[in-house]
N, C-alpha and C. Protein backbone atom coordinates (compact mmCIF):
# COMPACT_ATOMS: atom_id res chain seq x y z
N MET A 1 9.10 -4.26 -0.65
CA MET A 1 8.36 -3.57 0.38
C MET A 1 9.32 -3.17 1.49
N ASP A 2 9.29 -1.91 1.93
CA ASP A 2 10.16 -1.51 3.01
C ASP A 2 9.55 -1.90 4.36
N CYS A 3 10.33 -1.79 5.42
CA CYS A 3 9.89 -2.21 6.75
C CYS A 3 8.66 -1.46 7.22
N LEU A 4 8.59 -0.17 6.93
CA LEU A 4 7.45 0.64 7.36
C LEU A 4 6.17 0.17 6.69
N THR A 5 6.24 -0.14 5.42
CA THR A 5 5.06 -0.63 4.70
C THR A 5 4.62 -1.97 5.27
N VAL A 6 5.57 -2.85 5.54
CA VAL A 6 5.25 -4.15 6.11
C VAL A 6 4.60 -3.98 7.47
N LEU A 7 5.14 -3.09 8.30
CA LEU A 7 4.57 -2.86 9.62
C LEU A 7 3.14 -2.35 9.52
N ARG A 8 2.91 -1.38 8.65
CA ARG A 8 1.55 -0.85 8.48
C ARG A 8 0.60 -1.94 8.01
N PHE A 9 1.06 -2.77 7.07
CA PHE A 9 0.23 -3.86 6.55
C PHE A 9 -0.08 -4.85 7.67
N CYS A 10 0.91 -5.20 8.47
CA CYS A 10 0.70 -6.15 9.56
C CYS A 10 -0.27 -5.61 10.59
N ILE A 11 -0.16 -4.33 10.92
CA ILE A 11 -1.09 -3.73 11.87
C ILE A 11 -2.50 -3.80 11.31
N LEU A 12 -2.66 -3.46 10.05
CA LEU A 12 -3.98 -3.48 9.43
C LEU A 12 -4.56 -4.89 9.44
N ILE A 13 -3.77 -5.88 9.09
CA ILE A 13 -4.25 -7.26 9.09
C ILE A 13 -4.60 -7.70 10.50
N ALA A 14 -3.75 -7.39 11.47
CA ALA A 14 -4.01 -7.78 12.86
C ALA A 14 -5.31 -7.18 13.36
N VAL A 15 -5.53 -5.93 13.04
CA VAL A 15 -6.75 -5.27 13.49
C VAL A 15 -7.97 -5.88 12.81
N LYS A 16 -7.89 -6.10 11.52
CA LYS A 16 -9.04 -6.63 10.78
C LYS A 16 -9.41 -8.04 11.23
N THR A 17 -8.43 -8.86 11.61
CA THR A 17 -8.72 -10.26 11.93
C THR A 17 -8.69 -10.54 13.42
N PHE A 18 -8.37 -9.54 14.23
CA PHE A 18 -8.23 -9.74 15.68
C PHE A 18 -7.27 -10.87 15.98
N ALA A 19 -6.16 -10.88 15.27
CA ALA A 19 -5.17 -11.95 15.43
C ALA A 19 -4.27 -11.68 16.63
N TYR A 20 -4.89 -11.56 17.80
CA TYR A 20 -4.15 -11.33 19.03
C TYR A 20 -4.11 -12.61 19.84
N PRO A 21 -2.97 -12.95 20.43
CA PRO A 21 -2.92 -14.13 21.28
C PRO A 21 -3.56 -13.85 22.63
N GLY A 22 -4.10 -14.87 23.25
CA GLY A 22 -4.57 -14.85 24.63
C GLY A 22 -5.35 -13.64 25.09
N PRO A 23 -4.86 -13.02 26.17
CA PRO A 23 -5.61 -11.94 26.81
C PRO A 23 -5.83 -10.72 25.93
N GLN A 24 -4.95 -10.47 24.99
CA GLN A 24 -5.13 -9.31 24.12
C GLN A 24 -6.43 -9.43 23.35
N ARG A 25 -6.70 -10.58 22.79
CA ARG A 25 -7.94 -10.77 22.01
C ARG A 25 -9.15 -10.59 22.92
N ASP A 26 -9.09 -11.14 24.13
CA ASP A 26 -10.21 -11.01 25.06
C ASP A 26 -10.46 -9.55 25.42
N GLN A 27 -9.38 -8.79 25.59
CA GLN A 27 -9.53 -7.36 25.91
C GLN A 27 -10.21 -6.62 24.78
N VAL A 28 -9.82 -6.91 23.55
CA VAL A 28 -10.40 -6.23 22.40
C VAL A 28 -11.88 -6.52 22.32
N MET A 29 -12.26 -7.75 22.57
CA MET A 29 -13.65 -8.17 22.42
C MET A 29 -14.52 -7.74 23.61
N SER A 30 -13.93 -7.39 24.75
CA SER A 30 -14.69 -7.01 25.93
C SER A 30 -14.98 -5.52 25.91
N SER A 31 -16.25 -5.17 26.10
CA SER A 31 -16.61 -3.75 26.08
C SER A 31 -16.29 -3.07 27.40
N SER A 32 -16.07 -3.85 28.48
CA SER A 32 -15.79 -3.23 29.77
C SER A 32 -14.31 -2.88 29.95
N ALA A 33 -13.45 -3.52 29.20
CA ALA A 33 -12.02 -3.24 29.31
C ALA A 33 -11.69 -1.95 28.56
N PRO A 34 -10.68 -1.22 29.04
CA PRO A 34 -10.27 -0.02 28.28
C PRO A 34 -9.73 -0.45 26.92
N PRO A 35 -9.89 0.40 25.91
CA PRO A 35 -9.42 0.01 24.57
C PRO A 35 -7.90 -0.14 24.53
N LEU A 36 -7.46 -1.10 23.75
CA LEU A 36 -6.03 -1.30 23.55
C LEU A 36 -5.49 -0.20 22.67
N ARG A 37 -4.31 0.30 23.02
CA ARG A 37 -3.67 1.33 22.21
C ARG A 37 -2.79 0.65 21.17
N VAL A 38 -2.88 1.15 19.95
CA VAL A 38 -2.11 0.61 18.83
C VAL A 38 -1.31 1.74 18.19
N ALA A 39 -0.02 1.54 18.04
CA ALA A 39 0.82 2.53 17.37
C ALA A 39 0.73 2.33 15.87
N VAL A 40 0.51 3.42 15.15
CA VAL A 40 0.49 3.42 13.69
C VAL A 40 1.56 4.40 13.25
N LEU A 41 2.43 3.97 12.37
CA LEU A 41 3.53 4.83 11.94
C LEU A 41 3.20 5.50 10.62
N GLY A 42 3.10 6.80 10.65
CA GLY A 42 2.87 7.59 9.45
C GLY A 42 1.41 7.85 9.16
N SER A 43 1.15 9.01 8.55
CA SER A 43 -0.23 9.40 8.23
C SER A 43 -0.42 9.55 6.73
N GLY A 44 0.25 8.68 5.97
CA GLY A 44 -0.03 8.58 4.55
C GLY A 44 -1.26 7.69 4.37
N PRO A 45 -1.57 7.29 3.15
CA PRO A 45 -2.77 6.48 2.92
C PRO A 45 -2.82 5.19 3.75
N SER A 46 -1.71 4.48 3.87
CA SER A 46 -1.71 3.23 4.65
C SER A 46 -1.92 3.48 6.13
N GLY A 47 -1.25 4.50 6.66
CA GLY A 47 -1.42 4.83 8.07
C GLY A 47 -2.83 5.28 8.40
N LEU A 48 -3.43 6.08 7.52
CA LEU A 48 -4.80 6.53 7.73
C LEU A 48 -5.77 5.35 7.73
N ALA A 49 -5.60 4.44 6.78
CA ALA A 49 -6.47 3.26 6.71
C ALA A 49 -6.29 2.36 7.93
N ALA A 50 -5.05 2.20 8.38
CA ALA A 50 -4.80 1.38 9.57
C ALA A 50 -5.45 2.00 10.80
N ALA A 51 -5.33 3.32 10.96
CA ALA A 51 -5.93 4.00 12.11
C ALA A 51 -7.45 3.89 12.06
N LYS A 52 -8.04 4.05 10.90
CA LYS A 52 -9.49 3.92 10.75
C LYS A 52 -9.94 2.52 11.14
N SER A 53 -9.21 1.50 10.69
CA SER A 53 -9.55 0.12 11.03
C SER A 53 -9.45 -0.11 12.53
N CYS A 54 -8.46 0.49 13.15
CA CYS A 54 -8.33 0.38 14.61
C CYS A 54 -9.56 0.97 15.30
N LEU A 55 -9.96 2.16 14.88
CA LEU A 55 -11.13 2.81 15.47
C LEU A 55 -12.37 1.94 15.30
N GLU A 56 -12.56 1.38 14.12
CA GLU A 56 -13.72 0.51 13.86
C GLU A 56 -13.71 -0.73 14.74
N ALA A 57 -12.52 -1.21 15.09
CA ALA A 57 -12.38 -2.41 15.90
C ALA A 57 -12.45 -2.12 17.39
N GLY A 58 -12.65 -0.85 17.75
CA GLY A 58 -12.73 -0.49 19.16
C GLY A 58 -11.38 -0.31 19.82
N LEU A 59 -10.35 -0.18 19.02
CA LEU A 59 -9.01 0.05 19.54
C LEU A 59 -8.74 1.54 19.58
N GLU A 60 -7.65 1.90 20.23
CA GLU A 60 -7.26 3.31 20.33
C GLU A 60 -5.96 3.53 19.57
N PRO A 61 -6.05 3.92 18.30
CA PRO A 61 -4.82 4.14 17.54
C PRO A 61 -4.14 5.45 17.93
N VAL A 62 -2.83 5.42 17.92
CA VAL A 62 -2.03 6.63 18.06
C VAL A 62 -1.13 6.67 16.84
N VAL A 63 -1.37 7.65 15.97
CA VAL A 63 -0.62 7.76 14.72
C VAL A 63 0.57 8.68 14.96
N PHE A 64 1.76 8.17 14.77
CA PHE A 64 2.97 8.96 14.93
C PHE A 64 3.41 9.45 13.55
N GLU A 65 3.36 10.74 13.34
CA GLU A 65 3.72 11.36 12.06
C GLU A 65 4.89 12.30 12.29
N GLN A 66 6.00 12.07 11.61
CA GLN A 66 7.18 12.91 11.82
C GLN A 66 7.05 14.29 11.20
N ALA A 67 6.19 14.44 10.20
CA ALA A 67 6.00 15.74 9.56
C ALA A 67 4.99 16.58 10.35
N GLU A 68 4.76 17.78 9.87
CA GLU A 68 3.85 18.71 10.56
C GLU A 68 2.41 18.57 10.09
N ALA A 69 2.17 17.71 9.10
CA ALA A 69 0.82 17.54 8.56
C ALA A 69 0.69 16.15 7.95
N LEU A 70 -0.53 15.70 7.76
CA LEU A 70 -0.75 14.36 7.21
C LEU A 70 -0.52 14.31 5.71
N GLY A 71 -0.46 13.11 5.18
CA GLY A 71 -0.34 12.95 3.73
C GLY A 71 0.82 12.10 3.28
N GLY A 72 1.79 11.89 4.15
CA GLY A 72 2.95 11.10 3.74
C GLY A 72 3.67 11.74 2.56
N LEU A 73 4.09 10.92 1.62
CA LEU A 73 4.84 11.47 0.49
C LEU A 73 3.96 12.29 -0.44
N TRP A 74 2.64 12.23 -0.27
CA TRP A 74 1.74 13.01 -1.12
C TRP A 74 1.69 14.48 -0.73
N ARG A 75 2.31 14.84 0.38
CA ARG A 75 2.42 16.25 0.77
C ARG A 75 3.71 16.78 0.16
N PHE A 76 3.59 17.73 -0.76
CA PHE A 76 4.76 18.31 -1.42
C PHE A 76 5.56 19.16 -0.44
N ARG A 77 6.89 19.02 -0.51
CA ARG A 77 7.80 19.83 0.29
C ARG A 77 8.87 20.40 -0.64
N ASP A 78 9.14 21.69 -0.49
CA ASP A 78 10.22 22.30 -1.27
C ASP A 78 11.57 21.78 -0.82
N ASP A 79 11.72 21.62 0.49
CA ASP A 79 12.99 21.13 1.02
C ASP A 79 12.92 19.60 1.09
N SER A 80 14.04 18.97 0.86
CA SER A 80 14.07 17.51 0.98
C SER A 80 14.69 17.16 2.32
N SER A 81 13.83 16.89 3.28
CA SER A 81 14.29 16.51 4.61
C SER A 81 14.61 15.03 4.63
N PRO A 82 15.68 14.65 5.31
CA PRO A 82 16.03 13.22 5.40
C PRO A 82 14.87 12.43 6.01
N GLY A 83 14.53 11.32 5.39
CA GLY A 83 13.46 10.47 5.92
C GLY A 83 12.06 10.95 5.63
N GLN A 84 11.92 12.06 4.90
CA GLN A 84 10.59 12.59 4.57
C GLN A 84 10.48 12.77 3.06
N PRO A 85 10.15 11.69 2.36
CA PRO A 85 10.04 11.80 0.90
C PRO A 85 8.88 12.70 0.50
N SER A 86 8.94 13.18 -0.70
CA SER A 86 7.90 14.08 -1.20
C SER A 86 7.72 13.87 -2.70
N VAL A 87 6.50 14.06 -3.15
CA VAL A 87 6.25 14.06 -4.58
C VAL A 87 6.90 15.30 -5.18
N MET A 88 7.01 15.32 -6.49
CA MET A 88 7.47 16.53 -7.17
C MET A 88 6.29 17.49 -7.34
N ARG A 89 6.59 18.73 -7.54
CA ARG A 89 5.56 19.77 -7.66
C ARG A 89 4.52 19.43 -8.73
N SER A 90 4.93 18.76 -9.79
CA SER A 90 4.04 18.50 -10.93
C SER A 90 3.39 17.10 -10.90
N THR A 91 3.59 16.33 -9.83
CA THR A 91 3.11 14.95 -9.80
C THR A 91 1.60 14.84 -9.91
N VAL A 92 1.17 13.95 -10.80
CA VAL A 92 -0.23 13.58 -10.96
C VAL A 92 -0.28 12.06 -10.81
N ILE A 93 -1.27 11.54 -10.07
CA ILE A 93 -1.31 10.09 -9.87
C ILE A 93 -1.50 9.38 -11.20
N ASN A 94 -0.95 8.17 -11.30
CA ASN A 94 -1.02 7.44 -12.57
C ASN A 94 -2.07 6.34 -12.55
N SER A 95 -2.97 6.39 -11.58
CA SER A 95 -4.12 5.48 -11.56
C SER A 95 -5.37 6.34 -11.39
N SER A 96 -6.48 5.85 -11.86
CA SER A 96 -7.72 6.64 -11.79
C SER A 96 -8.14 6.86 -10.35
N LYS A 97 -8.98 7.86 -10.14
CA LYS A 97 -9.43 8.14 -8.78
C LYS A 97 -10.22 6.96 -8.22
N GLU A 98 -10.93 6.22 -9.08
CA GLU A 98 -11.69 5.07 -8.61
C GLU A 98 -10.77 3.95 -8.11
N LEU A 99 -9.66 3.73 -8.81
CA LEU A 99 -8.71 2.71 -8.38
C LEU A 99 -7.91 3.16 -7.16
N THR A 100 -7.67 4.44 -7.05
CA THR A 100 -6.86 4.98 -5.97
C THR A 100 -7.64 5.14 -4.67
N ALA A 101 -8.93 5.34 -4.77
CA ALA A 101 -9.77 5.67 -3.62
C ALA A 101 -9.87 4.53 -2.61
N PHE A 102 -10.15 4.91 -1.37
CA PHE A 102 -10.51 3.93 -0.35
C PHE A 102 -11.88 3.37 -0.72
N SER A 103 -12.08 2.08 -0.53
CA SER A 103 -13.32 1.43 -0.97
C SER A 103 -14.56 1.96 -0.25
N ASP A 104 -14.38 2.49 0.94
CA ASP A 104 -15.54 2.98 1.70
C ASP A 104 -15.67 4.50 1.70
N PHE A 105 -14.91 5.15 0.83
CA PHE A 105 -14.94 6.62 0.80
C PHE A 105 -14.59 7.10 -0.61
N PRO A 106 -15.57 7.12 -1.50
CA PRO A 106 -15.29 7.55 -2.87
C PRO A 106 -14.93 9.03 -2.94
N PRO A 107 -14.05 9.40 -3.86
CA PRO A 107 -13.72 10.82 -4.01
C PRO A 107 -14.91 11.57 -4.59
N PRO A 108 -15.00 12.86 -4.31
CA PRO A 108 -16.10 13.65 -4.87
C PRO A 108 -16.12 13.55 -6.40
N ALA A 109 -17.31 13.61 -6.96
CA ALA A 109 -17.49 13.48 -8.42
C ALA A 109 -16.74 14.56 -9.18
N HIS A 110 -16.62 15.75 -8.58
CA HIS A 110 -15.96 16.85 -9.30
C HIS A 110 -14.43 16.74 -9.30
N PHE A 111 -13.86 15.80 -8.55
CA PHE A 111 -12.41 15.61 -8.59
C PHE A 111 -12.04 15.03 -9.95
N PRO A 112 -10.90 15.44 -10.51
CA PRO A 112 -10.48 14.90 -11.81
C PRO A 112 -10.17 13.41 -11.70
N ASN A 113 -10.29 12.72 -12.82
CA ASN A 113 -10.05 11.28 -12.83
C ASN A 113 -8.61 10.95 -12.44
N TYR A 114 -7.66 11.72 -12.94
CA TYR A 114 -6.25 11.56 -12.57
C TYR A 114 -5.85 12.80 -11.78
N MET A 115 -5.80 12.63 -10.46
CA MET A 115 -5.66 13.77 -9.56
C MET A 115 -4.22 14.28 -9.44
N HIS A 116 -4.09 15.58 -9.40
CA HIS A 116 -2.83 16.22 -9.04
C HIS A 116 -2.58 15.86 -7.57
N HIS A 117 -1.32 15.82 -7.16
CA HIS A 117 -1.02 15.42 -5.78
C HIS A 117 -1.73 16.30 -4.75
N SER A 118 -1.95 17.56 -5.06
CA SER A 118 -2.63 18.45 -4.11
C SER A 118 -4.10 18.06 -3.93
N VAL A 119 -4.71 17.54 -4.98
CA VAL A 119 -6.11 17.07 -4.90
C VAL A 119 -6.16 15.76 -4.12
N LEU A 120 -5.19 14.87 -4.37
CA LEU A 120 -5.13 13.63 -3.61
C LEU A 120 -4.92 13.94 -2.13
N LEU A 121 -4.08 14.90 -1.82
CA LEU A 121 -3.86 15.30 -0.43
C LEU A 121 -5.16 15.81 0.19
N GLU A 122 -5.91 16.59 -0.56
CA GLU A 122 -7.21 17.08 -0.07
C GLU A 122 -8.14 15.89 0.22
N TYR A 123 -8.13 14.90 -0.65
CA TYR A 123 -8.94 13.70 -0.45
C TYR A 123 -8.52 12.97 0.84
N LEU A 124 -7.22 12.83 1.07
CA LEU A 124 -6.73 12.18 2.29
C LEU A 124 -7.16 12.96 3.53
N GLN A 125 -7.12 14.28 3.46
CA GLN A 125 -7.56 15.11 4.58
C GLN A 125 -9.06 14.92 4.84
N MET A 126 -9.85 14.84 3.77
CA MET A 126 -11.29 14.61 3.90
C MET A 126 -11.56 13.26 4.57
N TYR A 127 -10.82 12.25 4.15
CA TYR A 127 -10.96 10.90 4.71
C TYR A 127 -10.64 10.92 6.20
N ALA A 128 -9.53 11.56 6.56
CA ALA A 128 -9.11 11.61 7.97
C ALA A 128 -10.14 12.34 8.83
N ARG A 129 -10.71 13.41 8.31
CA ARG A 129 -11.75 14.14 9.06
C ARG A 129 -13.02 13.30 9.18
N HIS A 130 -13.45 12.72 8.06
CA HIS A 130 -14.71 11.97 8.03
C HIS A 130 -14.71 10.81 9.03
N PHE A 131 -13.60 10.10 9.11
CA PHE A 131 -13.52 8.93 9.99
C PHE A 131 -12.87 9.25 11.33
N ARG A 132 -12.67 10.52 11.61
CA ARG A 132 -12.12 11.00 12.88
C ARG A 132 -10.70 10.48 13.16
N VAL A 133 -9.99 10.19 12.10
CA VAL A 133 -8.60 9.74 12.23
C VAL A 133 -7.70 10.92 12.60
N SER A 134 -8.06 12.11 12.15
CA SER A 134 -7.24 13.31 12.43
C SER A 134 -6.98 13.48 13.92
N GLU A 135 -7.97 13.11 14.73
CA GLU A 135 -7.85 13.28 16.18
C GLU A 135 -6.82 12.34 16.80
N THR A 136 -6.40 11.33 16.08
CA THR A 136 -5.47 10.34 16.62
C THR A 136 -4.02 10.60 16.24
N ILE A 137 -3.78 11.63 15.41
CA ILE A 137 -2.44 11.86 14.87
C ILE A 137 -1.63 12.77 15.78
N ARG A 138 -0.41 12.36 16.04
CA ARG A 138 0.56 13.18 16.78
C ARG A 138 1.62 13.63 15.79
N PHE A 139 1.52 14.90 15.41
CA PHE A 139 2.45 15.45 14.43
C PHE A 139 3.79 15.77 15.09
N LYS A 140 4.83 15.79 14.25
CA LYS A 140 6.20 16.06 14.69
C LYS A 140 6.65 15.06 15.76
N HIS A 141 6.27 13.82 15.58
CA HIS A 141 6.68 12.72 16.45
C HIS A 141 7.38 11.67 15.58
N GLN A 142 8.66 11.52 15.80
CA GLN A 142 9.44 10.56 15.02
C GLN A 142 9.69 9.31 15.86
N VAL A 143 9.40 8.15 15.32
CA VAL A 143 9.65 6.89 16.00
C VAL A 143 11.07 6.46 15.64
N LEU A 144 11.89 6.32 16.66
CA LEU A 144 13.29 5.98 16.43
C LEU A 144 13.57 4.49 16.62
N ARG A 145 12.74 3.83 17.42
CA ARG A 145 13.01 2.42 17.71
C ARG A 145 11.71 1.71 18.09
N LEU A 146 11.56 0.49 17.61
CA LEU A 146 10.45 -0.37 17.99
C LEU A 146 11.03 -1.69 18.48
N ALA A 147 10.48 -2.21 19.56
CA ALA A 147 10.93 -3.50 20.06
C ALA A 147 9.75 -4.18 20.75
N PRO A 148 9.66 -5.50 20.62
CA PRO A 148 8.59 -6.20 21.33
C PRO A 148 8.82 -6.16 22.84
N ALA A 149 7.75 -6.18 23.60
CA ALA A 149 7.85 -6.22 25.06
C ALA A 149 8.45 -7.55 25.48
N HIS A 150 8.98 -7.60 26.70
CA HIS A 150 9.63 -8.82 27.17
C HIS A 150 8.65 -10.00 27.23
N ASP A 151 7.36 -9.72 27.40
CA ASP A 151 6.36 -10.79 27.46
C ASP A 151 5.58 -10.91 26.15
N HIS A 152 6.21 -10.56 25.05
CA HIS A 152 5.55 -10.52 23.73
C HIS A 152 4.84 -11.82 23.37
N GLN A 153 5.45 -12.95 23.68
CA GLN A 153 4.85 -14.24 23.31
C GLN A 153 3.48 -14.45 23.95
N HIS A 154 3.26 -13.84 25.12
CA HIS A 154 1.99 -14.03 25.83
C HIS A 154 1.05 -12.84 25.68
N SER A 155 1.60 -11.65 25.58
CA SER A 155 0.75 -10.45 25.57
C SER A 155 0.47 -9.91 24.17
N GLY A 156 1.32 -10.25 23.21
CA GLY A 156 1.17 -9.70 21.87
C GLY A 156 1.70 -8.29 21.73
N ARG A 157 2.27 -7.72 22.82
CA ARG A 157 2.78 -6.36 22.78
C ARG A 157 4.19 -6.35 22.23
């Protein structure tokens, strides 16, 4: 697992379990406090799911996407830009649409069982619109460095 995948997974787990120390947890649970902002890196399937979970938990996700559109590596690119992987033009997913789908958002019945990458990308766009994740994405924003705040042990930031 690369660092980005681990970070996305950790954000998703933290949001789902409210595993925040001290005041952070109280802020999340209080309806009078402004929502906590959570950075999500990338708008591929993991980033979209993490952002959706943040929204459901009453948090304010900000999705930083270095490309000009969502989809992560499922968005085909003719040019190979450094740090922006892409599927090949002919890529078809090797798992069924039922196994690939988000558990709370089944793909349309008319989608093929083994989707071409362009159909999977359409599905990801539908998911982002349906759960209002699209509104949280900042395109052409590259994260160059992440570091915990000086008071990380107490604030969770």
